[in-house]
Amino acid sequence: MDLNTLRMFVATAKCGSFTAAAERLEIPLATLSRRIRELERVLQVQLLERSVHGTRLTDAGTRLYEHASRGLEMLVDGERALTSDHTQLKGYLRLSLPPSLEPGWEILSAFQGRYPHIQLQIYTSERHIDMIEDGIDVAMRIGPLTHESMVSRRLLTYRHILVAPPALLARLGVPEKVSDLHKFPCGVWGTDVKAIWQLGEDIFKPNPILVTNDYAHLRCRALAGDMVIDLPPYMAKEAIKNKQLVALLEKHLFPEMEINLIYSLHRHPTRLIKAYLDFAQQHVTHLR
């Protein structure tokens, strides 16, 4: 099996299309397509499903990709170990982050300051992703690991904070107990109006005037004086410090949440991936 053809196959799987892979590899599209067809003929299996929307790995292609990408990464690691100092790591990392996850932005900025020759491609999404199909090296996700084929490293734990604008509190009063929230307009994160806030031992079911899956939007509306909302602490800290928002019912704590870094169990972590995982865990102490 030709090593260069395997490289072409792995690049096509990562890029999701022949055109993008040909551009990445700087080879003619016809050459790439012909080499992949030859590989499929030699192996007597279909590796990629082609459509107008790009390419998708078949079951056989997924199995080959897992082994081939791992082997190629080990070869690259070996080459770099001989030719590159640790501080001069070079290459591409494709990462996934949820929207509005500001600690993730700070980590990425600091990481590129430490490793300026590593090029990052960031895919922002809240949906479940197939890390192999989408070509993701590491995903930063809120919540515990739920898939047995993945490995996770915990970055940090935190609790949301209930906040309100001072003008709203001046008009309606400061809530002293959870049931007092019924008289306040509320905004909630999610896609369902049937939201629940678990505040300590109390459960409050707001009747929201706004439901959105964007915390930045919620914060904007709260800063405008419109409503009570819950925010991750990293999105509320500065506004509370500047007295633009007020923390409410601080003895009634939201459940603890966690942020994890997730990568494939079946994939050998490259030196770039290891550098990112280690750096993120070291740097996150500054974000608590």
C-alpha atoms as a PDB file:
ATOM      1  CA  MET A   1       0.000   0.000   0.000  1.00  0.00           C
ATOM      2  CA  ASP A   2       1.504   3.328  -1.085  1.00  0.00           C
ATOM      3  CA  LEU A   3       2.248   5.726   1.792  1.00  0.00           C
ATOM      4  CA  ASN A   4       1.606   8.862  -0.282  1.00  0.00           C
ATOM      5  CA  THR A   5      -1.789   7.517  -1.333  1.00  0.00           C
ATOM      6  CA  LEU A   6      -2.649   6.895   2.313  1.00  0.00           C
ATOM      7  CA  ARG A   7      -1.705  10.502   3.067  1.00  0.00           C
ATOM      8  CA  MET A   8      -4.041  11.631   0.279  1.00  0.00           C
ATOM      9  CA  PHE A   9      -6.864   9.480   1.649  1.00  0.00           C
ATOM     10  CA  VAL A  10      -6.427  10.814   5.211  1.00  0.00           C
ATOM     11  CA  ALA A  11      -6.310  14.413   3.950  1.00  0.00           C
ATOM     12  CA  THR A  12      -9.500  13.890   1.931  1.00  0.00           C
ATOM     13  CA  ALA A  13     -11.272  12.400   4.961  1.00  0.00           C
ATOM     14  CA  LYS A  14     -10.204  15.337   7.127  1.00  0.00           C
ATOM     15  CA  CYS A  15     -11.113  18.018   4.587  1.00  0.00           C
ATOM     16  CA  GLY A  16     -14.469  16.488   3.675  1.00  0.00           C
ATOM     17  CA  SER A  17     -14.045  17.014  -0.065  1.00  0.00           C
ATOM     18  CA  PHE A  18     -11.650  16.173  -2.885  1.00  0.00           C
ATOM     19  CA  THR A  19     -11.366  19.825  -3.894  1.00  0.00           C
ATOM     20  CA  ALA A  20     -10.358  21.018  -0.419  1.00  0.00           C
ATOM     21  CA  ALA A  21      -7.905  18.128  -0.016  1.00  0.00           C
ATOM     22  CA  ALA A  22      -6.321  18.806  -3.402  1.00  0.00           C
ATOM     23  CA  GLU A  23      -5.838  22.445  -2.439  1.00  0.00           C
ATOM     24  CA  ARG A  24      -4.386  21.467   0.952  1.00  0.00           C
ATOM     25  CA  LEU A  25      -1.979  18.962  -0.668  1.00  0.00           C
ATOM     26  CA  GLU A  26      -1.261  21.277  -3.622  1.00  0.00           C
ATOM     27  CA  ILE A  27      -1.857  18.546  -6.206  1.00  0.00           C
ATOM     28  CA  PRO A  28      -4.264  18.388  -9.172  1.00  0.00           C
ATOM     29  CA  LEU A  29      -7.806  17.298  -8.301  1.00  0.00           C
ATOM     30  CA  ALA A  30      -7.722  14.643 -11.037  1.00  0.00           C
ATOM     31  CA  THR A  31      -4.557  13.121  -9.558  1.00  0.00           C
ATOM     32  CA  LEU A  32      -6.070  12.928  -6.087  1.00  0.00           C
ATOM     33  CA  SER A  33      -9.297  11.356  -7.360  1.00  0.00           C
ATOM     34  CA  ARG A  34      -7.391   8.787  -9.432  1.00  0.00           C
ATOM     35  CA  ARG A  35      -5.140   7.776  -6.522  1.00  0.00           C
ATOM     36  CA  ILE A  36      -8.101   7.257  -4.191  1.00  0.00           C
ATOM     37  CA  ARG A  37      -9.885   5.138  -6.805  1.00  0.00           C
ATOM     38  CA  GLU A  38      -6.726   3.040  -7.173  1.00  0.00           C
ATOM     39  CA  LEU A  39      -6.576   2.547  -3.400  1.00  0.00           C
ATOM     40  CA  GLU A  40     -10.198   1.434  -3.342  1.00  0.00           C
ATOM     41  CA  ARG A  41      -9.519  -0.975  -6.202  1.00  0.00           C
ATOM     42  CA  VAL A  42      -6.480  -2.481  -4.442  1.00  0.00           C
ATOM     43  CA  LEU A  43      -8.403  -2.903  -1.175  1.00  0.00           C
ATOM     44  CA  GLN A  44     -11.592  -3.976  -2.995  1.00  0.00           C
ATOM     45  CA  VAL A  45     -13.782  -1.747  -0.800  1.00  0.00           C
ATOM     46  CA  GLN A  46     -15.409   1.654  -1.143  1.00  0.00           C
ATOM     47  CA  LEU A  47     -13.713   4.072   1.242  1.00  0.00           C
ATOM     48  CA  LEU A  48     -15.503   7.329   0.456  1.00  0.00           C
ATOM     49  CA  GLU A  49     -19.061   8.141  -0.558  1.00  0.00           C
ATOM     50  CA  ARG A  50     -19.038  10.988  -3.065  1.00  0.00           C
ATOM     51  CA  SER A  51     -21.836  13.544  -3.461  1.00  0.00           C
ATOM     52  CA  VAL A  52     -22.351  17.150  -4.540  1.00  0.00           C
ATOM     53  CA  HIS A  53     -21.953  18.112  -0.889  1.00  0.00           C
ATOM     54  CA  GLY A  54     -18.493  16.546  -0.541  1.00  0.00           C
ATOM     55  CA  THR A  55     -17.275  13.183   0.698  1.00  0.00           C
ATOM     56  CA  ARG A  56     -18.214  10.961   3.614  1.00  0.00           C
ATOM     57  CA  LEU A  57     -16.358   7.963   5.010  1.00  0.00           C
ATOM     58  CA  THR A  58     -17.939   4.554   4.606  1.00  0.00           C
ATOM     59  CA  ASP A  59     -17.664   2.037   7.455  1.00  0.00           C
ATOM     60  CA  ALA A  60     -14.607   0.540   5.799  1.00  0.00           C
ATOM     61  CA  GLY A  61     -13.186   4.019   5.211  1.00  0.00           C
ATOM     62  CA  THR A  62     -13.669   4.920   8.867  1.00  0.00           C
ATOM     63  CA  ARG A  63     -11.739   1.833   9.985  1.00  0.00           C
ATOM     64  CA  LEU A  64      -8.889   2.565   7.571  1.00  0.00           C
ATOM     65  CA  TYR A  65      -8.862   6.242   8.560  1.00  0.00           C
ATOM     66  CA  GLU A  66      -8.506   5.434  12.265  1.00  0.00           C
ATOM     67  CA  HIS A  67      -5.466   3.220  11.662  1.00  0.00           C
ATOM     68  CA  ALA A  68      -3.893   5.185   8.821  1.00  0.00           C
ATOM     69  CA  SER A  69      -4.162   8.585  10.515  1.00  0.00           C
ATOM     70  CA  ARG A  70      -2.680   7.146  13.706  1.00  0.00           C
ATOM     71  CA  GLY A  71       0.222   5.612  11.801  1.00  0.00           C
ATOM     72  CA  LEU A  72       0.900   8.769   9.783  1.00  0.00           C
ATOM     73  CA  GLU A  73       0.822  10.878  12.939  1.00  0.00           C
ATOM     74  CA  MET A  74       3.414   8.595  14.552  1.00  0.00           C
ATOM     75  CA  LEU A  75       5.628   8.958  11.485  1.00  0.00           C
ATOM     76  CA  VAL A  76       5.294  12.738  11.590  1.00  0.00           C
ATOM     77  CA  ASP A  77       6.107  12.715  15.306  1.00  0.00           C
ATOM     78  CA  GLY A  78       9.237  10.728  14.565  1.00  0.00           C
ATOM     79  CA  GLU A  79      10.329  13.152  11.871  1.00  0.00           C
ATOM     80  CA  ARG A  80       9.703  16.167  14.075  1.00  0.00           C
ATOM     81  CA  ALA A  81      11.525  14.597  17.003  1.00  0.00           C
ATOM     82  CA  LEU A  82      14.626  14.507  14.797  1.00  0.00           C
ATOM     83  CA  THR A  83      14.295  17.885  13.116  1.00  0.00           C
ATOM     84  CA  SER A  84      12.312  20.203  15.382  1.00  0.00           C
ATOM     85  CA  ASP A  85      12.843  21.651  18.821  1.00  0.00           C
ATOM     86  CA  HIS A  86       9.835  21.482  21.186  1.00  0.00           C
ATOM     87  CA  THR A  87       9.385  25.255  21.079  1.00  0.00           C
ATOM     88  CA  GLN A  88       9.124  25.170  17.275  1.00  0.00           C
ATOM     89  CA  LEU A  89       6.135  22.870  16.880  1.00  0.00           C
ATOM     90  CA  LYS A  90       4.512  23.387  13.484  1.00  0.00           C
ATOM     91  CA  GLY A  91       1.387  22.143  11.795  1.00  0.00           C
ATOM     92  CA  TYR A  92      -2.409  22.272  11.895  1.00  0.00           C
ATOM     93  CA  LEU A  93      -4.855  21.658  14.721  1.00  0.00           C
ATOM     94  CA  ARG A  94      -8.594  21.453  14.089  1.00  0.00           C
ATOM     95  CA  LEU A  95     -10.464  22.206  17.302  1.00  0.00           C
ATOM     96  CA  SER A  96     -14.121  22.447  18.291  1.00  0.00           C
ATOM     97  CA  LEU A  97     -15.593  24.802  20.909  1.00  0.00           C
ATOM     98  CA  PRO A  98     -19.132  25.657  21.999  1.00  0.00           C
ATOM     99  CA  PRO A  99     -20.294  29.198  21.176  1.00  0.00           C
ATOM    100  CA  SER A 100     -19.581  31.955  23.739  1.00  0.00           C
ATOM    101  CA  LEU A 101     -17.106  29.826  25.702  1.00  0.00           C
ATOM    102  CA  GLU A 102     -14.803  32.709  26.588  1.00  0.00           C
ATOM    103  CA  PRO A 103     -12.249  30.662  28.588  1.00  0.00           C
ATOM    104  CA  GLY A 104     -11.704  28.659  25.417  1.00  0.00           C
ATOM    105  CA  TRP A 105     -10.953  31.823  23.451  1.00  0.00           C
ATOM    106  CA  GLU A 106      -8.421  32.936  26.053  1.00  0.00           C
ATOM    107  CA  ILE A 107      -6.716  29.547  26.046  1.00  0.00           C
ATOM    108  CA  LEU A 108      -6.435  29.561  22.244  1.00  0.00           C
ATOM    109  CA  SER A 109      -4.996  33.070  22.183  1.00  0.00           C
ATOM    110  CA  ALA A 110      -2.389  32.212  24.813  1.00  0.00           C
ATOM    111  CA  PHE A 111      -1.627  28.887  23.099  1.00  0.00           C
ATOM    112  CA  GLN A 112      -0.823  30.583  19.798  1.00  0.00           C
ATOM    113  CA  GLY A 113       1.311  33.085  21.668  1.00  0.00           C
ATOM    114  CA  ARG A 114       3.303  30.137  23.045  1.00  0.00           C
ATOM    115  CA  TYR A 115       3.315  28.168  19.748  1.00  0.00           C
ATOM    116  CA  PRO A 116       3.140  30.756  16.942  1.00  0.00           C
ATOM    117  CA  HIS A 117       3.875  28.185  14.213  1.00  0.00           C
ATOM    118  CA  ILE A 118       0.807  26.056  14.963  1.00  0.00           C
ATOM    119  CA  GLN A 119      -2.116  26.993  12.720  1.00  0.00           C
ATOM    120  CA  LEU A 120      -5.555  26.588  14.298  1.00  0.00           C
ATOM    121  CA  GLN A 121      -8.845  25.893  12.578  1.00  0.00           C
ATOM    122  CA  ILE A 122     -11.780  26.390  14.953  1.00  0.00           C
ATOM    123  CA  TYR A 123     -15.196  24.828  14.465  1.00  0.00           C
ATOM    124  CA  THR A 124     -17.856  26.341  16.737  1.00  0.00           C
ATOM    125  CA  SER A 125     -20.942  24.241  17.375  1.00  0.00           C
ATOM    126  CA  GLU A 126     -23.256  23.048  20.128  1.00  0.00           C
ATOM    127  CA  ARG A 127     -24.444  20.014  18.200  1.00  0.00           C
ATOM    128  CA  HIS A 128     -23.042  16.539  18.685  1.00  0.00           C
ATOM    129  CA  ILE A 129     -20.126  16.086  16.307  1.00  0.00           C
ATOM    130  CA  ASP A 130     -18.497  13.002  14.856  1.00  0.00           C
ATOM    131  CA  MET A 131     -14.853  13.817  15.528  1.00  0.00           C
ATOM    132  CA  ILE A 132     -13.590  11.443  12.849  1.00  0.00           C
ATOM    133  CA  GLU A 133     -16.098  12.511  10.181  1.00  0.00           C
ATOM    134  CA  ASP A 134     -15.574  16.201  10.988  1.00  0.00           C
ATOM    135  CA  GLY A 135     -11.796  15.836  11.269  1.00  0.00           C
ATOM    136  CA  ILE A 136     -11.678  17.296  14.792  1.00  0.00           C
ATOM    137  CA  ASP A 137      -8.493  16.744  16.796  1.00  0.00           C
ATOM    138  CA  VAL A 138      -9.790  17.981  20.165  1.00  0.00           C
ATOM    139  CA  ALA A 139     -13.225  19.238  21.240  1.00  0.00           C
ATOM    140  CA  MET A 140     -13.852  21.449  24.248  1.00  0.00           C
ATOM    141  CA  ARG A 141     -17.246  20.578  25.664  1.00  0.00           C
ATOM    142  CA  ILE A 142     -19.467  21.467  28.605  1.00  0.00           C
ATOM    143  CA  GLY A 143     -20.606  18.403  30.527  1.00  0.00           C
ATOM    144  CA  PRO A 144     -19.216  14.936  31.255  1.00  0.00           C
ATOM    145  CA  LEU A 145     -17.943  12.429  28.713  1.00  0.00           C
ATOM    146  CA  THR A 146     -20.786  10.292  27.347  1.00  0.00           C
ATOM    147  CA  HIS A 147     -19.164   8.289  24.534  1.00  0.00           C
ATOM    148  CA  GLU A 148     -17.013   5.242  25.249  1.00  0.00           C
ATOM    149  CA  SER A 149     -14.822   5.808  22.181  1.00  0.00           C
ATOM    150  CA  MET A 150     -13.654   9.184  23.515  1.00  0.00           C
ATOM    151  CA  VAL A 151     -11.123  10.230  26.169  1.00  0.00           C
ATOM    152  CA  SER A 152     -11.659  13.358  28.260  1.00  0.00           C
ATOM    153  CA  ARG A 153      -9.498  15.648  30.352  1.00  0.00           C
ATOM    154  CA  ARG A 154     -11.326  17.876  32.801  1.00  0.00           C
ATOM    155  CA  LEU A 155     -10.379  21.551  32.577  1.00  0.00           C
ATOM    156  CA  LEU A 156     -12.481  23.144  35.289  1.00  0.00           C
ATOM    157  CA  THR A 157     -15.748  23.051  37.207  1.00  0.00           C
ATOM    158  CA  TYR A 158     -18.052  26.001  37.863  1.00  0.00           C
ATOM    159  CA  ARG A 159     -21.583  27.042  38.778  1.00  0.00           C
ATOM    160  CA  HIS A 160     -23.851  29.454  36.974  1.00  0.00           C
ATOM    161  CA  ILE A 161     -24.793  32.723  38.639  1.00  0.00           C
ATOM    162  CA  LEU A 162     -28.264  34.278  38.724  1.00  0.00           C
ATOM    163  CA  VAL A 163     -28.000  37.983  37.846  1.00  0.00           C
ATOM    164  CA  ALA A 164     -30.224  40.993  37.293  1.00  0.00           C
ATOM    165  CA  PRO A 165     -29.668  44.622  36.201  1.00  0.00           C
ATOM    166  CA  PRO A 166     -29.748  47.234  39.008  1.00  0.00           C
ATOM    167  CA  ALA A 167     -32.558  49.210  37.319  1.00  0.00           C
ATOM    168  CA  LEU A 168     -34.834  46.161  37.343  1.00  0.00           C
ATOM    169  CA  LEU A 169     -34.119  45.534  41.024  1.00  0.00           C
ATOM    170  CA  ALA A 170     -34.793  49.187  41.839  1.00  0.00           C
ATOM    171  CA  ARG A 171     -38.203  48.851  40.215  1.00  0.00           C
ATOM    172  CA  LEU A 172     -39.264  45.417  41.477  1.00  0.00           C
ATOM    173  CA  GLY A 173     -37.155  44.951  44.595  1.00  0.00           C
ATOM    174  CA  VAL A 174     -34.394  42.475  45.440  1.00  0.00           C
ATOM    175  CA  PRO A 175     -35.651  38.861  45.671  1.00  0.00           C
ATOM    176  CA  GLU A 176     -35.042  37.366  49.108  1.00  0.00           C
ATOM    177  CA  LYS A 177     -36.263  33.853  48.318  1.00  0.00           C
ATOM    178  CA  VAL A 178     -36.569  31.771  45.187  1.00  0.00           C
ATOM    179  CA  SER A 179     -40.342  32.176  44.914  1.00  0.00           C
ATOM    180  CA  ASP A 180     -39.851  35.975  44.655  1.00  0.00           C
ATOM    181  CA  LEU A 181     -38.528  35.408  41.126  1.00  0.00           C
ATOM    182  CA  HIS A 182     -42.092  34.923  39.861  1.00  0.00           C
ATOM    183  CA  LYS A 183     -42.569  38.689  39.653  1.00  0.00           C
ATOM    184  CA  PHE A 184     -39.501  39.190  37.438  1.00  0.00           C
ATOM    185  CA  PRO A 185     -39.203  38.934  33.643  1.00  0.00           C
ATOM    186  CA  CYS A 186     -36.729  36.131  32.930  1.00  0.00           C
ATOM    187  CA  GLY A 187     -34.566  35.028  30.048  1.00  0.00           C
ATOM    188  CA  VAL A 188     -33.331  31.449  29.777  1.00  0.00           C
ATOM    189  CA  TRP A 189     -30.785  29.525  27.763  1.00  0.00           C
ATOM    190  CA  GLY A 190     -32.043  26.623  25.682  1.00  0.00           C
ATOM    191  CA  THR A 191     -34.476  25.668  22.955  1.00  0.00           C
ATOM    192  CA  ASP A 192     -37.498  24.890  25.139  1.00  0.00           C
ATOM    193  CA  VAL A 193     -39.697  27.334  27.046  1.00  0.00           C
ATOM    194  CA  LYS A 194     -40.067  24.692  29.777  1.00  0.00           C
ATOM    195  CA  ALA A 195     -36.849  25.718  31.503  1.00  0.00           C
ATOM    196  CA  ILE A 196     -35.917  24.791  35.064  1.00  0.00           C
ATOM    197  CA  TRP A 197     -33.527  26.555  37.421  1.00  0.00           C
ATOM    198  CA  GLN A 198     -32.298  24.365  40.243  1.00  0.00           C
ATOM    199  CA  LEU A 199     -31.292  26.805  42.969  1.00  0.00           C
ATOM    200  CA  GLY A 200     -29.957  24.847  45.905  1.00  0.00           C
ATOM    201  CA  GLU A 201     -32.805  22.662  47.143  1.00  0.00           C
ATOM    202  CA  ASP A 202     -35.384  24.807  45.353  1.00  0.00           C
ATOM    203  CA  ILE A 203     -36.583  24.306  41.792  1.00  0.00           C
ATOM    204  CA  PHE A 204     -37.886  27.350  39.969  1.00  0.00           C
ATOM    205  CA  LYS A 205     -39.748  27.139  36.669  1.00  0.00           C
ATOM    206  CA  PRO A 206     -39.484  30.538  34.981  1.00  0.00           C
ATOM    207  CA  ASN A 207     -42.055  31.758  32.493  1.00  0.00           C
ATOM    208  CA  PRO A 208     -39.468  33.256  30.146  1.00  0.00           C
ATOM    209  CA  ILE A 209     -39.972  36.237  27.920  1.00  0.00           C
ATOM    210  CA  LEU A 210     -36.873  35.163  25.972  1.00  0.00           C
ATOM    211  CA  VAL A 211     -35.451  31.712  25.174  1.00  0.00           C
ATOM    212  CA  THR A 212     -32.161  31.550  23.268  1.00  0.00           C
ATOM    213  CA  ASN A 213     -29.204  29.209  22.926  1.00  0.00           C
ATOM    214  CA  ASP A 214     -26.805  32.185  23.005  1.00  0.00           C
ATOM    215  CA  TYR A 215     -25.547  33.371  26.394  1.00  0.00           C
ATOM    216  CA  ALA A 216     -24.064  36.481  24.790  1.00  0.00           C
ATOM    217  CA  HIS A 217     -27.583  37.485  23.720  1.00  0.00           C
ATOM    218  CA  LEU A 218     -28.923  36.871  27.230  1.00  0.00           C
ATOM    219  CA  ARG A 219     -26.149  38.966  28.756  1.00  0.00           C
ATOM    220  CA  CYS A 220     -26.826  41.787  26.300  1.00  0.00           C
ATOM    221  CA  ARG A 221     -30.507  41.863  27.264  1.00  0.00           C
ATOM    222  CA  ALA A 222     -29.717  41.783  30.979  1.00  0.00           C
ATOM    223  CA  LEU A 223     -27.218  44.635  30.589  1.00  0.00           C
ATOM    224  CA  ALA A 224     -29.963  46.585  28.823  1.00  0.00           C
ATOM    225  CA  GLY A 225     -32.061  46.270  31.993  1.00  0.00           C
ATOM    226  CA  ASP A 226     -34.652  43.856  30.624  1.00  0.00           C
ATOM    227  CA  MET A 227     -34.567  40.634  32.661  1.00  0.00           C
ATOM    228  CA  VAL A 228     -33.167  38.189  35.197  1.00  0.00           C
ATOM    229  CA  ILE A 229     -30.911  35.528  33.666  1.00  0.00           C
ATOM    230  CA  ASP A 230     -28.371  32.899  34.645  1.00  0.00           C
ATOM    231  CA  LEU A 231     -24.835  33.149  33.292  1.00  0.00           C
ATOM    232  CA  PRO A 232     -21.603  31.176  33.479  1.00  0.00           C
ATOM    233  CA  PRO A 233     -19.294  32.974  35.948  1.00  0.00           C
ATOM    234  CA  TYR A 234     -16.764  33.890  33.251  1.00  0.00           C
ATOM    235  CA  MET A 235     -19.502  35.839  31.422  1.00  0.00           C
ATOM    236  CA  ALA A 236     -20.884  37.523  34.539  1.00  0.00           C
ATOM    237  CA  LYS A 237     -17.722  38.390  36.483  1.00  0.00           C
ATOM    238  CA  GLU A 238     -16.807  41.653  34.771  1.00  0.00           C
ATOM    239  CA  ALA A 239     -20.385  43.019  34.713  1.00  0.00           C
ATOM    240  CA  ILE A 240     -20.813  42.234  38.423  1.00  0.00           C
ATOM    241  CA  LYS A 241     -17.480  43.896  39.221  1.00  0.00           C
ATOM    242  CA  ASN A 242     -18.542  47.015  37.284  1.00  0.00           C
ATOM    243  CA  LYS A 243     -21.973  46.977  39.010  1.00  0.00           C
ATOM    244  CA  GLN A 244     -23.758  46.557  35.693  1.00  0.00           C
ATOM    245  CA  LEU A 245     -25.312  43.339  37.017  1.00  0.00           C
ATOM    246  CA  VAL A 246     -26.107  42.143  40.540  1.00  0.00           C
ATOM    247  CA  ALA A 247     -25.746  38.543  41.711  1.00  0.00           C
ATOM    248  CA  LEU A 248     -28.979  37.209  43.241  1.00  0.00           C
ATOM    249  CA  LEU A 249     -29.800  34.509  45.829  1.00  0.00           C
ATOM    250  CA  GLU A 250     -26.137  33.639  46.297  1.00  0.00           C
ATOM    251  CA  LYS A 251     -26.882  31.046  48.986  1.00  0.00           C
ATOM    252  CA  HIS A 252     -29.005  29.109  46.499  1.00  0.00           C
ATOM    253  CA  LEU A 253     -26.344  27.491  44.302  1.00  0.00           C
ATOM    254  CA  PHE A 254     -26.821  26.162  40.783  1.00  0.00           C
ATOM    255  CA  PRO A 255     -25.557  22.596  40.180  1.00  0.00           C
ATOM    256  CA  GLU A 256     -21.874  22.207  39.428  1.00  0.00           C
ATOM    257  CA  MET A 257     -20.886  21.983  35.760  1.00  0.00           C
ATOM    258  CA  GLU A 258     -17.630  21.022  34.092  1.00  0.00           C
ATOM    259  CA  ILE A 259     -15.639  21.789  30.954  1.00  0.00           C
ATOM    260  CA  ASN A 260     -13.739  18.904  29.349  1.00  0.00           C
ATOM    261  CA  LEU A 261     -11.303  18.408  26.500  1.00  0.00           C
ATOM    262  CA  ILE A 262     -12.314  15.383  24.414  1.00  0.00           C
ATOM    263  CA  TYR A 263     -10.346  13.414  21.844  1.00  0.00           C
ATOM    264  CA  SER A 264     -10.613  10.026  20.172  1.00  0.00           C
ATOM    265  CA  LEU A 265      -9.648   6.917  22.145  1.00  0.00           C
ATOM    266  CA  HIS A 266      -8.603   5.229  18.889  1.00  0.00           C
ATOM    267  CA  ARG A 267      -6.284   7.963  17.764  1.00  0.00           C
ATOM    268  CA  HIS A 268      -2.653   8.372  18.769  1.00  0.00           C
ATOM    269  CA  PRO A 269      -2.326  11.928  20.171  1.00  0.00           C
ATOM    270  CA  THR A 270       0.223  13.840  18.100  1.00  0.00           C
ATOM    271  CA  ARG A 271       2.798  16.123  19.691  1.00  0.00           C
ATOM    272  CA  LEU A 272       0.588  19.062  18.656  1.00  0.00           C
ATOM    273  CA  ILE A 273      -2.454  17.545  20.364  1.00  0.00           C
ATOM    274  CA  LYS A 274      -0.435  16.738  23.489  1.00  0.00           C
ATOM    275  CA  ALA A 275       0.952  20.272  23.551  1.00  0.00           C
ATOM    276  CA  TYR A 276      -2.562  21.725  23.351  1.00  0.00           C
ATOM    277  CA  LEU A 277      -3.989  19.402  26.026  1.00  0.00           C
ATOM    278  CA  ASP A 278      -1.146  20.089  28.442  1.00  0.00           C
ATOM    279  CA  PHE A 279      -1.120  23.839  27.798  1.00  0.00           C
ATOM    280  CA  ALA A 280      -4.880  24.171  28.283  1.00  0.00           C
ATOM    281  CA  GLN A 281      -4.791  22.359  31.618  1.00  0.00           C
ATOM    282  CA  GLN A 282      -1.888  24.501  32.832  1.00  0.00           C
ATOM    283  CA  HIS A 283      -3.353  27.773  31.593  1.00  0.00           C
ATOM    284  CA  VAL A 284      -6.890  27.220  32.856  1.00  0.00           C
ATOM    285  CA  THR A 285      -5.767  27.858  36.456  1.00  0.00           C
ATOM    286  CA  HIS A 286      -5.624  31.539  35.534  1.00  0.00           C
ATOM    287  CA  LEU A 287      -9.279  31.507  34.441  1.00  0.00           C
ATOM    288  CA  ARG A 288     -10.975  30.208  37.592  1.00  0.00           C
END
